[in-house]
C-alpha atoms as a PDB file:
ATOM      1  CA  MET A   1     -21.502  27.004  18.539  1.00  0.00           C
ATOM      2  CA  PRO A   2     -22.742  26.733  15.495  1.00  0.00           C
ATOM      3  CA  ILE A   3     -21.103  24.393  12.281  1.00  0.00           C
ATOM      4  CA  ILE A   4     -20.221  26.973  10.102  1.00  0.00           C
ATOM      5  CA  GLU A   5     -18.768  23.807   7.144  1.00  0.00           C
ATOM      6  CA  LEU A   6     -17.790  20.186   7.546  1.00  0.00           C
ATOM      7  CA  VAL A   7     -14.347  18.357   6.326  1.00  0.00           C
ATOM      8  CA  ASP A   8     -13.257  15.458   5.184  1.00  0.00           C
ATOM      9  CA  ASN A   9     -11.091  14.772   7.548  1.00  0.00           C
ATOM     10  CA  MET A  10      -8.170  11.362   6.603  1.00  0.00           C
ATOM     11  CA  PRO A  11     -10.344  10.205   4.062  1.00  0.00           C
ATOM     12  CA  GLY A  12      -7.747   8.517   2.299  1.00  0.00           C
ATOM     13  CA  LEU A  13      -4.625   9.205   1.813  1.00  0.00           C
ATOM     14  CA  ILE A  14      -1.492  10.325  -0.703  1.00  0.00           C
ATOM     15  CA  ARG A  15       0.940   8.183  -2.352  1.00  0.00           C
ATOM     16  CA  PRO A  16       4.373   9.628  -1.930  1.00  0.00           C
ATOM     17  CA  HIS A  17       5.602   8.498  -4.798  1.00  0.00           C
ATOM     18  CA  CYS A  18       2.547   9.272  -7.906  1.00  0.00           C
ATOM     19  CA  VAL A  19       0.708  11.834  -5.482  1.00  0.00           C
ATOM     20  CA  LYS A  20      -2.287  10.047  -5.719  1.00  0.00           C
ATOM     21  CA  SER A  21      -5.234  10.161  -3.530  1.00  0.00           C
ATOM     22  CA  ILE A  22      -5.819   6.387  -2.637  1.00  0.00           C
ATOM     23  CA  GLU A  23      -9.585   5.809  -0.503  1.00  0.00           C
ATOM     24  CA  VAL A  24      -9.452   4.311   2.342  1.00  0.00           C
ATOM     25  CA  PHE A  25     -12.622   4.833   4.142  1.00  0.00           C
ATOM     26  CA  GLU A  26     -15.976   4.461   2.555  1.00  0.00           C
ATOM     27  CA  THR A  27     -16.484   8.694   0.468  1.00  0.00           C
ATOM     28  CA  GLY A  28     -19.460  10.351   0.112  1.00  0.00           C
ATOM     29  CA  SER A  29     -20.543  10.101   3.356  1.00  0.00           C
ATOM     30  CA  VAL A  30     -19.488  13.711   4.375  1.00  0.00           C
ATOM     31  CA  GLU A  31     -21.216  15.201   1.209  1.00  0.00           C
ATOM     32  CA  LYS A  32     -23.949  13.495   1.884  1.00  0.00           C
ATOM     33  CA  ALA A  33     -24.404  15.057   5.367  1.00  0.00           C
ATOM     34  CA  SER A  34     -23.370  18.466   4.522  1.00  0.00           C
ATOM     35  CA  LYS A  35     -26.541  17.904   1.709  1.00  0.00           C
ATOM     36  CA  ASN A  36     -28.709  16.185   4.724  1.00  0.00           C
ATOM     37  CA  PHE A  37     -27.941  19.056   6.747  1.00  0.00           C
ATOM     38  CA  ASN A  38     -28.021  21.720   4.100  1.00  0.00           C
ATOM     39  CA  ILE A  39     -23.918  22.733   5.896  1.00  0.00           C
ATOM     40  CA  PRO A  40     -21.413  23.573   2.879  1.00  0.00           C
ATOM     41  CA  PHE A  41     -18.695  20.761   1.943  1.00  0.00           C
ATOM     42  CA  LEU A  42     -15.487  22.965   2.248  1.00  0.00           C
ATOM     43  CA  ALA A  43     -13.009  20.106   1.841  1.00  0.00           C
ATOM     44  CA  ARG A  44     -11.504  17.186   1.448  1.00  0.00           C
ATOM     45  CA  LEU A  45      -7.714  15.794   3.028  1.00  0.00           C
ATOM     46  CA  PRO A  46      -5.758  13.534   2.977  1.00  0.00           C
ATOM     47  CA  ILE A  47      -3.501  11.401   5.119  1.00  0.00           C
ATOM     48  CA  GLU A  48      -0.643  13.575   3.527  1.00  0.00           C
ATOM     49  CA  ARG A  49       3.052  11.534   5.341  1.00  0.00           C
ATOM     50  CA  LYS A  50       5.541  14.267   4.649  1.00  0.00           C
ATOM     51  CA  VAL A  51       2.433  16.605   7.270  1.00  0.00           C
ATOM     52  CA  ALA A  52       1.705  13.705   9.263  1.00  0.00           C
ATOM     53  CA  LYS A  53       5.428  13.320  10.248  1.00  0.00           C
ATOM     54  CA  LYS A  54       6.037  17.304  10.498  1.00  0.00           C
ATOM     55  CA  GLU A  55       3.019  16.875  12.548  1.00  0.00           C
ATOM     56  CA  ASP A  56       4.369  13.678  14.766  1.00  0.00           C
ATOM     57  CA  LYS A  57       7.081  16.134  15.425  1.00  0.00           C
ATOM     58  CA  GLY A  58       5.041  19.487  16.628  1.00  0.00           C
ATOM     59  CA  THR A  59       6.709  21.493  13.247  1.00  0.00           C
ATOM     60  CA  VAL A  60       4.541  23.911  12.725  1.00  0.00           C
ATOM     61  CA  LEU A  61       2.696  23.272   9.159  1.00  0.00           C
ATOM     62  CA  LEU A  62       3.969  26.432   7.809  1.00  0.00           C
ATOM     63  CA  GLU A  63       6.799  25.372   6.026  1.00  0.00           C
ATOM     64  CA  LEU A  64       4.726  23.366   4.350  1.00  0.00           C
ATOM     65  CA  LEU A  65       2.707  25.261   2.553  1.00  0.00           C
ATOM     66  CA  GLU A  66       5.316  26.025   0.307  1.00  0.00           C
ATOM     67  CA  ASN A  67       5.161  23.215  -1.422  1.00  0.00           C
ATOM     68  CA  ASN A  68       2.846  22.642  -4.505  1.00  0.00           C
ATOM     69  CA  MET A  69       0.829  19.786  -2.149  1.00  0.00           C
ATOM     70  CA  GLU A  70      -3.174  18.725  -3.583  1.00  0.00           C
ATOM     71  CA  TRP A  71      -3.556  18.492   0.092  1.00  0.00           C
ATOM     72  CA  GLN A  72      -1.843  21.833   0.902  1.00  0.00           C
ATOM     73  CA  LYS A  73      -4.372  23.428  -2.123  1.00  0.00           C
ATOM     74  CA  ASN A  74      -7.206  22.158   0.262  1.00  0.00           C
ATOM     75  CA  PHE A  75      -5.918  23.343   3.936  1.00  0.00           C
ATOM     76  CA  GLU A  76      -5.295  26.826   2.394  1.00  0.00           C
ATOM     77  CA  TYR A  77      -9.263  26.333   0.926  1.00  0.00           C
ATOM     78  CA  PHE A  78     -10.038  26.202   4.125  1.00  0.00           C
ATOM     79  CA  VAL A  79      -8.554  27.720   6.402  1.00  0.00           C
ATOM     80  CA  ASN A  80      -9.262  30.892   4.421  1.00  0.00           C
ATOM     81  CA  ALA A  81     -12.672  29.959   4.161  1.00  0.00           C
ATOM     82  CA  VAL A  82     -13.143  30.135   8.043  1.00  0.00           C
ATOM     83  CA  GLU A  83     -11.253  32.900   8.392  1.00  0.00           C
ATOM     84  CA  LYS A  84     -13.783  34.221   6.030  1.00  0.00           C
ATOM     85  CA  ILE A  85     -16.925  33.540   7.246  1.00  0.00           C
ATOM     86  CA  LEU A  86     -14.973  34.470  11.300  1.00  0.00           C
ATOM     87  CA  GLU A  87     -14.908  37.651   9.231  1.00  0.00           C
ATOM     88  CA  GLU A  88     -18.935  37.743   7.978  1.00  0.00           C
ATOM     89  CA  LYS A  89     -20.038  36.979  12.151  1.00  0.00           C
END
Protein backbone atom coordinates (compact mmCIF):
# COMPACT_ATOMS: atom_id res chain seq x y z
CA MET A 1 0.00 0.00 0.00
CA PRO A 2 1.50 3.34 -0.98
CA ILE A 3 1.95 6.05 1.61
CA ILE A 4 0.15 9.11 0.31
CA GLU A 5 0.96 11.62 3.08
CA LEU A 6 2.11 11.75 6.70
CA VAL A 7 0.12 12.90 9.73
CA ASP A 8 1.60 13.70 13.13
CA ASN A 9 -1.00 12.00 15.34
CA MET A 10 -1.18 13.03 19.01
CA PRO A 11 2.10 15.00 19.21
CA GLY A 12 0.73 16.92 22.16
CA LEU A 13 -2.51 17.99 23.74
CA ILE A 14 -4.76 21.00 23.62
CA ARG A 15 -5.29 22.70 26.98
CA PRO A 16 -9.06 23.10 27.52
CA HIS A 17 -8.86 26.42 29.35
CA CYS A 18 -6.92 28.33 26.68
CA VAL A 19 -7.03 26.11 23.57
CA LYS A 20 -3.24 26.25 23.15
CA SER A 21 -1.31 23.10 22.34
CA ILE A 22 1.27 21.62 24.71
CA GLU A 23 3.96 19.60 22.97
CA VAL A 24 4.22 16.34 24.92
CA PHE A 25 6.62 14.54 22.62
CA GLU A 26 9.65 15.71 20.68
CA THR A 27 8.41 17.68 17.69
CA GLY A 28 9.66 17.71 14.16
CA SER A 29 10.30 14.01 13.61
CA VAL A 30 7.29 13.52 11.30
CA GLU A 31 8.22 16.60 9.28
CA LYS A 32 11.82 15.34 9.06
CA ALA A 33 10.63 11.92 7.84
CA SER A 34 8.40 13.70 5.35
CA LYS A 35 11.40 15.50 3.87
CA ASN A 36 13.72 12.48 4.02
CA PHE A 37 11.30 10.17 2.23
CA ASN A 38 9.78 12.85 -0.03
CA ILE A 39 6.26 12.23 1.30
CA PRO A 40 4.02 15.27 1.86
CA PHE A 41 3.31 16.28 5.46
CA LEU A 42 -0.43 16.76 5.85
CA ALA A 43 -1.44 17.72 9.38
CA ARG A 44 -0.75 17.66 13.09
CA LEU A 45 -3.60 16.28 15.21
CA PRO A 46 -2.96 16.90 18.93
CA ILE A 47 -5.06 15.24 21.58
CA GLU A 48 -8.25 17.23 22.10
CA ARG A 49 -10.09 16.41 25.32
CA LYS A 50 -13.55 16.78 23.77
CA VAL A 51 -12.60 14.45 20.92
CA ALA A 52 -11.04 11.89 23.28
CA LYS A 53 -14.20 11.77 25.42
CA LYS A 54 -16.37 11.22 22.35
CA GLU A 55 -14.06 8.51 21.03
CA ASP A 56 -14.07 6.73 24.40
CA LYS A 57 -17.87 6.57 24.20
CA GLY A 58 -17.80 5.46 20.57
CA THR A 59 -19.58 8.65 19.52
CA VAL A 60 -19.23 9.84 15.96
CA LEU A 61 -17.04 12.94 15.67
CA LEU A 62 -19.34 14.75 13.25
CA GLU A 63 -21.08 16.69 16.02
CA LEU A 64 -17.72 18.09 17.12
CA LEU A 65 -16.94 19.34 13.64
CA GLU A 66 -19.40 22.18 14.15
CA ASN A 67 -17.11 23.70 16.78
CA ASN A 68 -14.31 26.03 15.81
CA MET A 69 -11.39 24.02 17.18
CA GLU A 70 -7.86 23.85 15.83
CA TRP A 71 -8.09 20.05 15.91
CA GLN A 72 -11.29 20.20 13.88
CA LYS A 73 -9.69 22.44 11.25
CA ASN A 74 -6.71 20.10 10.92
CA PHE A 75 -8.94 17.02 10.78
CA GLU A 76 -11.15 18.51 8.06
CA TYR A 77 -8.05 19.47 6.08
CA PHE A 78 -6.76 15.90 6.47
CA VAL A 79 -10.04 14.32 5.32
CA ASN A 80 -10.39 16.67 2.34
CA ALA A 81 -6.79 16.08 1.24
CA VAL A 82 -7.14 12.30 1.44
CA GLU A 83 -10.40 12.41 -0.51
CA LYS A 84 -8.74 14.52 -3.22
CA ILE A 85 -5.76 12.15 -3.47
CA LEU A 86 -8.01 9.11 -3.70
CA GLU A 87 -10.14 10.74 -6.41
CA GLU A 88 -7.02 11.42 -8.47
CA LYS A 89 -5.86 7.79 -8.35
